[in-house]
C-alpha cells in the first residue's frame, strides 16, 4: 500500500482493501470485515472514490443482513413495557 504524506493510505489502496474484504469475507468474519470497511470508507477523502466503494459496501451490508448480523430487538407489547416517565408528555385520545 502506498502511504501519503499525511501518513494514511491512498484512496485507491483503500478502495482495493474494501474490495478484498468484499470478496474474502465469510459468515464468521462479516461483522469485523464490515467494521473495517466502514473505517476505511471514512478515511477516503474524495467523493469519486467513495462512490466507487459504494457497490462493495452495499454488498457487505447485504451479506451482513443475510448472515445474521445484529438484529433489532422485538418490540415489547404494551403490558410488558415499563411505565412511562412522569415527565413524559401524555397523548390525547388514548
PDB file of N, CA and C in Angstrom:
ATOM      1  N   UNK A   1       0.832  -1.168   0.000  1.00  0.00           N
ATOM      2  CA  UNK A   1       0.000   0.000   0.000  1.00  0.00           C
ATOM      3  C   UNK A   1       0.879   1.234   0.000  1.00  0.00           C
ATOM      4  N   UNK A   2       0.412   2.251  -0.640  1.00  0.00           N
ATOM      5  CA  UNK A   2       1.192   3.459  -0.757  1.00  0.00           C
ATOM      6  C   UNK A   2       0.780   4.434   0.328  1.00  0.00           C
ATOM      7  N   UNK A   3       1.762   4.986   1.016  1.00  0.00           N
ATOM      8  CA  UNK A   3       1.474   5.946   2.072  1.00  0.00           C
ATOM      9  C   UNK A   3       1.475   7.355   1.500  1.00  0.00           C
ATOM     10  N   UNK A   4       0.579   8.189   1.975  1.00  0.00           N
ATOM     11  CA  UNK A   4       0.542   9.588   1.572  1.00  0.00           C
ATOM     12  C   UNK A   4       1.363  10.380   2.567  1.00  0.00           C
ATOM     13  N   UNK A   5       1.697  11.634   2.256  1.00  0.00           N
ATOM     14  CA  UNK A   5       2.483  12.434   3.199  1.00  0.00           C
ATOM     15  C   UNK A   5       1.824  12.562   4.568  1.00  0.00           C
ATOM     16  N   UNK A   6       0.498  12.501   4.638  1.00  0.00           N
ATOM     17  CA  UNK A   6      -0.205  12.599   5.916  1.00  0.00           C
ATOM     18  C   UNK A   6      -0.131  11.319   6.725  1.00  0.00           C
ATOM     19  N   UNK A   7       0.421  10.256   6.164  1.00  0.00           N
ATOM     20  CA  UNK A   7       0.580   9.012   6.894  1.00  0.00           C
ATOM     21  C   UNK A   7      -0.494   7.985   6.624  1.00  0.00           C
ATOM     22  N   UNK A   8      -1.530   8.334   5.853  1.00  0.00           N
ATOM     23  CA  UNK A   8      -2.598   7.381   5.574  1.00  0.00           C
ATOM     24  C   UNK A   8      -2.373   6.683   4.247  1.00  0.00           C
ATOM     25  N   UNK A   9      -3.303   5.821   3.902  1.00  0.00           N
ATOM     26  CA  UNK A   9      -3.232   5.117   2.628  1.00  0.00           C
ATOM     27  C   UNK A   9      -3.832   6.004   1.542  1.00  0.00           C
ATOM     28  N   UNK A  10      -3.424   5.770   0.300  1.00  0.00           N
ATOM     29  CA  UNK A  10      -4.035   6.476  -0.806  1.00  0.00           C
ATOM     30  C   UNK A  10      -5.437   5.921  -1.023  1.00  0.00           C
ATOM     31  N   UNK A  11      -6.373   6.756  -1.531  1.00  0.00           N
ATOM     32  CA  UNK A  11      -7.755   6.305  -1.726  1.00  0.00           C
ATOM     33  C   UNK A  11      -7.874   5.049  -2.587  1.00  0.00           C
ATOM     34  N   UNK A  12      -7.011   4.901  -3.597  1.00  0.00           N
ATOM     35  CA  UNK A  12      -7.086   3.721  -4.462  1.00  0.00           C
ATOM     36  C   UNK A  12      -6.770   2.462  -3.651  1.00  0.00           C
ATOM     37  N   UNK A  13      -5.777   2.549  -2.757  1.00  0.00           N
ATOM     38  CA  UNK A  13      -5.439   1.413  -1.904  1.00  0.00           C
ATOM     39  C   UNK A  13      -6.574   1.093  -0.934  1.00  0.00           C
ATOM     40  N   UNK A  14      -7.227   2.129  -0.420  1.00  0.00           N
ATOM     41  CA  UNK A  14      -8.349   1.915   0.492  1.00  0.00           C
ATOM     42  C   UNK A  14      -9.490   1.233  -0.250  1.00  0.00           C
ATOM     43  N   UNK A  15      -9.746   1.665  -1.478  1.00  0.00           N
ATOM     44  CA  UNK A  15     -10.785   1.037  -2.286  1.00  0.00           C
ATOM     45  C   UNK A  15     -10.433  -0.424  -2.561  1.00  0.00           C
ATOM     46  N   UNK A  16      -9.184  -0.700  -2.864  1.00  0.00           N
ATOM     47  CA  UNK A  16      -8.757  -2.086  -3.121  1.00  0.00           C
ATOM     48  C   UNK A  16      -8.910  -2.938  -1.861  1.00  0.00           C
ATOM     49  N   UNK A  17      -8.613  -2.371  -0.699  1.00  0.00           N
ATOM     50  CA  UNK A  17      -8.767  -3.108   0.554  1.00  0.00           C
ATOM     51  C   UNK A  17     -10.235  -3.422   0.812  1.00  0.00           C
ATOM     52  N   UNK A  18     -11.125  -2.454   0.572  1.00  0.00           N
ATOM     53  CA  UNK A  18     -12.566  -2.691   0.730  1.00  0.00           C
ATOM     54  C   UNK A  18     -13.020  -3.772  -0.246  1.00  0.00           C
ATOM     55  N   UNK A  19     -12.505  -3.713  -1.468  1.00  0.00           N
ATOM     56  CA  UNK A  19     -12.841  -4.725  -2.473  1.00  0.00           C
ATOM     57  C   UNK A  19     -12.407  -6.113  -2.009  1.00  0.00           C
ATOM     58  N   UNK A  20     -11.202  -6.223  -1.466  1.00  0.00           N
ATOM     59  CA  UNK A  20     -10.711  -7.516  -0.976  1.00  0.00           C
ATOM     60  C   UNK A  20     -11.554  -8.017   0.194  1.00  0.00           C
ATOM     61  N   UNK A  21     -11.950  -7.112   1.085  1.00  0.00           N
ATOM     62  CA  UNK A  21     -12.821  -7.506   2.189  1.00  0.00           C
ATOM     63  C   UNK A  21     -14.128  -8.089   1.637  1.00  0.00           C
ATOM     64  N   UNK A  22     -14.658  -7.437   0.611  1.00  0.00           N
ATOM     65  CA  UNK A  22     -15.905  -7.906  -0.003  1.00  0.00           C
ATOM     66  C   UNK A  22     -15.766  -9.332  -0.524  1.00  0.00           C
ATOM     67  N   UNK A  23     -14.678  -9.614  -1.231  1.00  0.00           N
ATOM     68  CA  UNK A  23     -14.515 -10.932  -1.836  1.00  0.00           C
ATOM     69  C   UNK A  23     -14.057 -11.999  -0.845  1.00  0.00           C
ATOM     70  N   UNK A  24     -13.385 -11.598   0.232  1.00  0.00           N
ATOM     71  CA  UNK A  24     -12.815 -12.574   1.166  1.00  0.00           C
ATOM     72  C   UNK A  24     -13.668 -12.825   2.407  1.00  0.00           C
ATOM     73  N   UNK A  25     -14.721 -12.043   2.601  1.00  0.00           N
ATOM     74  CA  UNK A  25     -15.498 -12.174   3.839  1.00  0.00           C
ATOM     75  C   UNK A  25     -16.245 -13.505   3.890  1.00  0.00           C
ATOM     76  N   UNK A  26     -16.466 -13.980   5.106  1.00  0.00           N
ATOM     77  CA  UNK A  26     -17.202 -15.222   5.356  1.00  0.00           C
ATOM     78  C   UNK A  26     -18.252 -14.931   6.425  1.00  0.00           C
ATOM     79  N   UNK A  27     -19.180 -15.857   6.645  1.00  0.00           N
ATOM     80  CA  UNK A  27     -20.155 -15.628   7.716  1.00  0.00           C
ATOM     81  C   UNK A  27     -19.501 -15.406   9.082  1.00  0.00           C
ATOM     82  N   UNK A  28     -18.353 -16.001   9.317  1.00  0.00           N
ATOM     83  CA  UNK A  28     -17.682 -15.827  10.609  1.00  0.00           C
ATOM     84  C   UNK A  28     -16.983 -14.485  10.729  1.00  0.00           C
ATOM     85  N   UNK A  29     -16.580 -13.891   9.596  1.00  0.00           N
ATOM     86  CA  UNK A  29     -15.802 -12.653   9.645  1.00  0.00           C
ATOM     87  C   UNK A  29     -16.583 -11.416   9.235  1.00  0.00           C
ATOM     88  N   UNK A  30     -17.859 -11.569   8.855  1.00  0.00           N
ATOM     89  CA  UNK A  30     -18.596 -10.456   8.271  1.00  0.00           C
ATOM     90  C   UNK A  30     -18.673  -9.240   9.190  1.00  0.00           C
ATOM     91  N   UNK A  31     -18.894  -9.426  10.479  1.00  0.00           N
ATOM     92  CA  UNK A  31     -19.031  -8.271  11.365  1.00  0.00           C
ATOM     93  C   UNK A  31     -17.733  -7.481  11.451  1.00  0.00           C
ATOM     94  N   UNK A  32     -16.598  -8.167  11.603  1.00  0.00           N
ATOM     95  CA  UNK A  32     -15.307  -7.480  11.656  1.00  0.00           C
ATOM     96  C   UNK A  32     -14.962  -6.854  10.310  1.00  0.00           C
ATOM     97  N   UNK A  33     -15.216  -7.582   9.231  1.00  0.00           N
ATOM     98  CA  UNK A  33     -14.911  -7.061   7.903  1.00  0.00           C
ATOM     99  C   UNK A  33     -15.754  -5.831   7.580  1.00  0.00           C
ATOM    100  N   UNK A  34     -17.014  -5.857   7.968  1.00  0.00           N
ATOM    101  CA  UNK A  34     -17.893  -4.714   7.726  1.00  0.00           C
ATOM    102  C   UNK A  34     -17.402  -3.493   8.510  1.00  0.00           C
ATOM    103  N   UNK A  35     -16.994  -3.707   9.755  1.00  0.00           N
ATOM    104  CA  UNK A  35     -16.483  -2.612  10.570  1.00  0.00           C
ATOM    105  C   UNK A  35     -15.196  -2.035   9.966  1.00  0.00           C
ATOM    106  N   UNK A  36     -14.296  -2.905   9.496  1.00  0.00           N
ATOM    107  CA  UNK A  36     -13.057  -2.431   8.859  1.00  0.00           C
ATOM    108  C   UNK A  36     -13.372  -1.624   7.606  1.00  0.00           C
ATOM    109  N   UNK A  37     -14.327  -2.116   6.812  1.00  0.00           N
ATOM    110  CA  UNK A  37     -14.687  -1.421   5.579  1.00  0.00           C
ATOM    111  C   UNK A  37     -15.258  -0.038   5.870  1.00  0.00           C
ATOM    112  N   UNK A  38     -16.067   0.078   6.904  1.00  0.00           N
ATOM    113  CA  UNK A  38     -16.621   1.383   7.272  1.00  0.00           C
ATOM    114  C   UNK A  38     -15.506   2.323   7.712  1.00  0.00           C
ATOM    115  N   UNK A  39     -14.565   1.820   8.515  1.00  0.00           N
ATOM    116  CA  UNK A  39     -13.445   2.659   8.940  1.00  0.00           C
ATOM    117  C   UNK A  39     -12.636   3.132   7.737  1.00  0.00           C
ATOM    118  N   UNK A  40     -12.402   2.248   6.790  1.00  0.00           N
ATOM    119  CA  UNK A  40     -11.667   2.636   5.579  1.00  0.00           C
ATOM    120  C   UNK A  40     -12.457   3.653   4.760  1.00  0.00           C
ATOM    121  N   UNK A  41     -13.746   3.440   4.630  1.00  0.00           N
ATOM    122  CA  UNK A  41     -14.588   4.353   3.856  1.00  0.00           C
ATOM    123  C   UNK A  41     -14.533   5.761   4.431  1.00  0.00           C
ATOM    124  N   UNK A  42     -14.520   5.873   5.745  1.00  0.00           N
ATOM    125  CA  UNK A  42     -14.473   7.180   6.402  1.00  0.00           C
ATOM    126  C   UNK A  42     -13.179   7.938   6.116  1.00  0.00           C
ATOM    127  N   UNK A  43     -12.113   7.218   5.759  1.00  0.00           N
ATOM    128  CA  UNK A  43     -10.827   7.880   5.533  1.00  0.00           C
ATOM    129  C   UNK A  43     -10.598   8.251   4.069  1.00  0.00           C
ATOM    130  N   UNK A  44     -11.499   7.871   3.179  1.00  0.00           N
ATOM    131  CA  UNK A  44     -11.346   8.218   1.765  1.00  0.00           C
ATOM    132  C   UNK A  44     -11.730   9.687   1.594  1.00  0.00           C
ATOM    133  N   UNK A  45     -10.783  10.524   1.131  1.00  0.00           N
ATOM    134  CA  UNK A  45     -11.041  11.959   1.083  1.00  0.00           C
ATOM    135  C   UNK A  45     -11.892  12.432  -0.097  1.00  0.00           C
ATOM    136  N   UNK A  46     -11.865  11.727  -1.216  1.00  0.00           N
ATOM    137  CA  UNK A  46     -12.575  12.261  -2.384  1.00  0.00           C
ATOM    138  C   UNK A  46     -13.873  11.503  -2.651  1.00  0.00           C
ATOM    139  N   UNK A  47     -14.843  12.247  -3.109  1.00  0.00           N
ATOM    140  CA  UNK A  47     -16.191  11.718  -3.330  1.00  0.00           C
ATOM    141  C   UNK A  47     -16.227  10.657  -4.425  1.00  0.00           C
ATOM    142  N   UNK A  48     -15.436  10.820  -5.467  1.00  0.00           N
ATOM    143  CA  UNK A  48     -15.453   9.871  -6.585  1.00  0.00           C
ATOM    144  C   UNK A  48     -15.033   8.470  -6.134  1.00  0.00           C
ATOM    145  N   UNK A  49     -14.009   8.376  -5.309  1.00  0.00           N
ATOM    146  CA  UNK A  49     -13.561   7.074  -4.819  1.00  0.00           C
ATOM    147  C   UNK A  49     -14.588   6.490  -3.855  1.00  0.00           C
ATOM    148  N   UNK A  50     -15.190   7.352  -3.033  1.00  0.00           N
ATOM    149  CA  UNK A  50     -16.235   6.879  -2.114  1.00  0.00           C
ATOM    150  C   UNK A  50     -17.412   6.297  -2.891  1.00  0.00           C
ATOM    151  N   UNK A  51     -17.770   6.938  -3.988  1.00  0.00           N
ATOM    152  CA  UNK A  51     -18.872   6.418  -4.807  1.00  0.00           C
ATOM    153  C   UNK A  51     -18.513   5.063  -5.414  1.00  0.00           C
ATOM    154  N   UNK A  52     -17.263   4.888  -5.801  1.00  0.00           N
ATOM    155  CA  UNK A  52     -16.834   3.598  -6.354  1.00  0.00           C
ATOM    156  C   UNK A  52     -16.871   2.507  -5.286  1.00  0.00           C
ATOM    157  N   UNK A  53     -16.658   2.882  -4.025  1.00  0.00           N
ATOM    158  CA  UNK A  53     -16.678   1.908  -2.929  1.00  0.00           C
ATOM    159  C   UNK A  53     -18.101   1.514  -2.548  1.00  0.00           C
ATOM    160  N   UNK A  54     -19.075   2.303  -2.967  1.00  0.00           N
ATOM    161  CA  UNK A  54     -20.470   2.070  -2.578  1.00  0.00           C
ATOM    162  C   UNK A  54     -20.953   0.672  -2.938  1.00  0.00           C
ATOM    163  N   UNK A  55     -20.610   0.186  -4.115  1.00  0.00           N
ATOM    164  CA  UNK A  55     -21.096  -1.126  -4.540  1.00  0.00           C
ATOM    165  C   UNK A  55     -20.586  -2.226  -3.601  1.00  0.00           C
ATOM    166  N   UNK A  56     -19.336  -2.122  -3.161  1.00  0.00           N
ATOM    167  CA  UNK A  56     -18.793  -3.123  -2.241  1.00  0.00           C
ATOM    168  C   UNK A  56     -19.421  -2.978  -0.855  1.00  0.00           C
ATOM    169  N   UNK A  57     -19.642  -1.743  -0.426  1.00  0.00           N
ATOM    170  CA  UNK A  57     -20.251  -1.517   0.885  1.00  0.00           C
ATOM    171  C   UNK A  57     -21.682  -2.050   0.914  1.00  0.00           C
ATOM    172  N   UNK A  58     -22.423  -1.828  -0.161  1.00  0.00           N
ATOM    173  CA  UNK A  58     -23.793  -2.350  -0.217  1.00  0.00           C
ATOM    174  C   UNK A  58     -23.795  -3.874  -0.208  1.00  0.00           C
ATOM    175  N   UNK A  59     -22.829  -4.462  -0.904  1.00  0.00           N
ATOM    176  CA  UNK A  59     -22.713  -5.922  -0.902  1.00  0.00           C
ATOM    177  C   UNK A  59     -22.377  -6.460   0.469  1.00  0.00           C
ATOM    178  N   UNK A  60     -21.448  -5.805   1.172  1.00  0.00           N
ATOM    179  CA  UNK A  60     -21.104  -6.225   2.530  1.00  0.00           C
ATOM    180  C   UNK A  60     -22.304  -6.081   3.466  1.00  0.00           C
ATOM    181  N   UNK A  61     -23.052  -4.994   3.308  1.00  0.00           N
ATOM    182  CA  UNK A  61     -24.235  -4.787   4.147  1.00  0.00           C
ATOM    183  C   UNK A  61     -25.274  -5.878   3.898  1.00  0.00           C
ATOM    184  N   UNK A  62     -25.438  -6.257   2.640  1.00  0.00           N
ATOM    185  CA  UNK A  62     -26.389  -7.323   2.307  1.00  0.00           C
ATOM    186  C   UNK A  62     -25.947  -8.654   2.907  1.00  0.00           C
ATOM    187  N   UNK A  63     -24.641  -8.951   2.815  1.00  0.00           N
ATOM    188  CA  UNK A  63     -24.130 -10.194   3.406  1.00  0.00           C
ATOM    189  C   UNK A  63     -24.331 -10.189   4.917  1.00  0.00           C
ATOM    190  N   UNK A  64     -24.067  -9.050   5.538  1.00  0.00           N
ATOM    191  CA  UNK A  64     -24.245  -8.945   6.988  1.00  0.00           C
ATOM    192  C   UNK A  64     -25.696  -9.221   7.364  1.00  0.00           C
ATOM    193  N   UNK A  65     -26.615  -8.697   6.585  1.00  0.00           N
ATOM    194  CA  UNK A  65     -28.034  -8.919   6.858  1.00  0.00           C
ATOM    195  C   UNK A  65     -28.405 -10.390   6.659  1.00  0.00           C
ATOM    196  N   UNK A  66     -27.934 -10.984   5.583  1.00  0.00           N
ATOM    197  CA  UNK A  66     -28.294 -12.372   5.290  1.00  0.00           C
ATOM    198  C   UNK A  66     -27.626 -13.367   6.224  1.00  0.00           C
ATOM    199  N   UNK A  67     -26.422 -13.053   6.676  1.00  0.00           N
ATOM    200  CA  UNK A  67     -25.667 -13.985   7.505  1.00  0.00           C
ATOM    201  C   UNK A  67     -25.874 -13.767   8.989  1.00  0.00           C
ATOM    202  N   UNK A  68     -26.882 -13.029   9.354  1.00  0.00           N
ATOM    203  CA  UNK A  68     -27.238 -12.928  10.762  1.00  0.00           C
ATOM    204  C   UNK A  68     -26.445 -11.935  11.555  1.00  0.00           C
ATOM    205  N   UNK A  69     -26.243 -10.774  11.000  1.00  0.00           N
ATOM    206  CA  UNK A  69     -25.610  -9.704  11.756  1.00  0.00           C
ATOM    207  C   UNK A  69     -26.522  -9.250  12.874  1.00  0.00           C
ATOM    208  N   UNK A  70     -26.180  -8.170  13.526  1.00  0.00           N
ATOM    209  CA  UNK A  70     -27.006  -7.709  14.641  1.00  0.00           C
ATOM    210  C   UNK A  70     -28.447  -7.457  14.204  1.00  0.00           C
ATOM    211  N   UNK A  71     -29.352  -7.920  14.991  1.00  0.00           N
ATOM    212  CA  UNK A  71     -30.768  -7.727  14.697  1.00  0.00           C
ATOM    213  C   UNK A  71     -31.379  -6.832  15.771  1.00  0.00           C
ATOM    214  N   UNK A  72     -32.426  -6.148  15.383  1.00  0.00           N
ATOM    215  CA  UNK A  72     -33.133  -5.307  16.338  1.00  0.00           C
ATOM    216  C   UNK A  72     -33.911  -6.187  17.312  1.00  0.00           C
ATOM    217  N   UNK A  73     -34.067  -5.703  18.505  1.00  0.00           N
ATOM    218  CA  UNK A  73     -34.884  -6.434  19.486  1.00  0.00           C
ATOM    219  C   UNK A  73     -36.340  -6.384  19.059  1.00  0.00           C
ATOM    220  N   UNK A  74     -37.080  -7.432  19.300  1.00  0.00           N
ATOM    221  CA  UNK A  74     -38.514  -7.357  19.014  1.00  0.00           C
ATOM    222  C   UNK A  74     -39.177  -6.371  19.975  1.00  0.00           C
ATOM    223  N   UNK A  75     -40.163  -5.673  19.481  1.00  0.00           N
ATOM    224  CA  UNK A  75     -40.859  -4.686  20.302  1.00  0.00           C
ATOM    225  C   UNK A  75     -41.625  -5.375  21.424  1.00  0.00           C
ATOM    226  N   UNK A  76     -41.621  -4.744  22.581  1.00  0.00           N
ATOM    227  CA  UNK A  76     -42.370  -5.276  23.721  1.00  0.00           C
ATOM    228  C   UNK A  76     -43.841  -4.919  23.563  1.00  0.00           C
ATOM    229  N   UNK A  77     -44.707  -5.811  24.009  1.00  0.00           N
ATOM    230  CA  UNK A  77     -46.130  -5.494  23.964  1.00  0.00           C
ATOM    231  C   UNK A  77     -46.423  -4.448  25.028  1.00  0.00           C
ATOM    232  N   UNK A  78     -47.581  -3.845  24.937  1.00  0.00           N
ATOM    233  CA  UNK A  78     -47.941  -2.740  25.828  1.00  0.00           C
ATOM    234  C   UNK A  78     -47.871  -3.146  27.304  1.00  0.00           C
ATOM    235  N   UNK A  79     -48.295  -4.352  27.643  1.00  0.00           N
ATOM    236  CA  UNK A  79     -48.288  -4.769  29.049  1.00  0.00           C
ATOM    237  C   UNK A  79     -46.889  -5.181  29.528  1.00  0.00           C
ATOM    238  N   UNK A  80     -45.939  -5.390  28.611  1.00  0.00           N
ATOM    239  CA  UNK A  80     -44.580  -5.749  29.002  1.00  0.00           C
ATOM    240  C   UNK A  80     -43.676  -4.531  29.162  1.00  0.00           C
ATOM    241  N   UNK A  81     -44.084  -3.371  28.640  1.00  0.00           N
ATOM    242  CA  UNK A  81     -43.266  -2.159  28.708  1.00  0.00           C
ATOM    243  C   UNK A  81     -43.209  -1.614  30.123  1.00  0.00           C
ATOM    244  N   UNK A  82     -42.091  -0.998  30.489  1.00  0.00           N
ATOM    245  CA  UNK A  82     -42.035  -0.334  31.792  1.00  0.00           C
ATOM    246  C   UNK A  82     -42.949   0.890  31.775  1.00  0.00           C
ATOM    247  N   UNK A  83     -43.380   1.345  32.929  1.00  0.00           N
ATOM    248  CA  UNK A  83     -44.273   2.507  32.959  1.00  0.00           C
ATOM    249  C   UNK A  83     -43.566   3.741  32.406  1.00  0.00           C
ATOM    250  N   UNK A  84     -44.352   4.646  31.833  1.00  0.00           N
ATOM    251  CA  UNK A  84     -43.803   5.876  31.272  1.00  0.00           C
ATOM    252  C   UNK A  84     -43.279   6.772  32.373  1.00  0.00           C
ATOM    253  N   UNK A  85     -42.318   7.567  32.030  1.00  0.00           N
ATOM    254  CA  UNK A  85     -41.763   8.533  32.962  1.00  0.00           C
ATOM    255  C   UNK A  85     -42.843   9.550  33.321  1.00  0.00           C
ATOM    256  N   UNK A  86     -42.867  10.030  34.560  1.00  0.00           N
ATOM    257  CA  UNK A  86     -43.871  11.044  34.931  1.00  0.00           C
ATOM    258  C   UNK A  86     -43.715  12.318  34.103  1.00  0.00           C
ATOM    259  N   UNK A  87     -42.518  12.543  33.564  1.00  0.00           N
ATOM    260  CA  UNK A  87     -42.286  13.749  32.767  1.00  0.00           C
ATOM    261  C   UNK A  87     -42.651  13.549  31.296  1.00  0.00           C
ATOM    262  N   UNK A  88     -42.996  12.325  30.899  1.00  0.00           N
ATOM    263  CA  UNK A  88     -43.347  12.058  29.503  1.00  0.00           C
ATOM    264  C   UNK A  88     -44.646  12.753  29.152  1.00  0.00           C
ATOM    265  N   UNK A  89     -44.716  13.346  27.965  1.00  0.00           N
ATOM    266  CA  UNK A  89     -45.967  14.010  27.576  1.00  0.00           C
ATOM    267  C   UNK A  89     -47.070  12.997  27.352  1.00  0.00           C
ATOM    268  N   UNK A  90     -48.264  13.359  27.727  1.00  0.00           N
ATOM    269  CA  UNK A  90     -49.428  12.485  27.552  1.00  0.00           C
ATOM    270  C   UNK A  90     -49.975  12.647  26.157  1.00  0.00           C
ATOM    271  N   UNK A  91     -50.415  11.552  25.551  1.00  0.00           N
ATOM    272  CA  UNK A  91     -51.049  11.609  24.248  1.00  0.00           C
ATOM    273  C   UNK A  91     -52.547  11.692  24.424  1.00  0.00           C
ATOM    274  N   UNK A  92     -53.178  12.506  23.636  1.00  0.00           N
ATOM    275  CA  UNK A  92     -54.629  12.625  23.726  1.00  0.00           C
ATOM    276  C   UNK A  92     -55.293  11.499  22.957  1.00  0.00           C
ATOM    277  N   UNK A  93     -56.426  11.073  23.432  1.00  0.00           N
ATOM    278  CA  UNK A  93     -57.218  10.073  22.737  1.00  0.00           C
ATOM    279  C   UNK A  93     -56.823   8.642  23.028  1.00  0.00           C
ATOM    280  N   UNK A  94     -56.040   8.419  24.041  1.00  0.00           N
ATOM    281  CA  UNK A  94     -55.643   7.034  24.370  1.00  0.00           C
ATOM    282  C   UNK A  94     -56.128   6.673  25.730  1.00  0.00           C
TER     283      UNK A  94
END
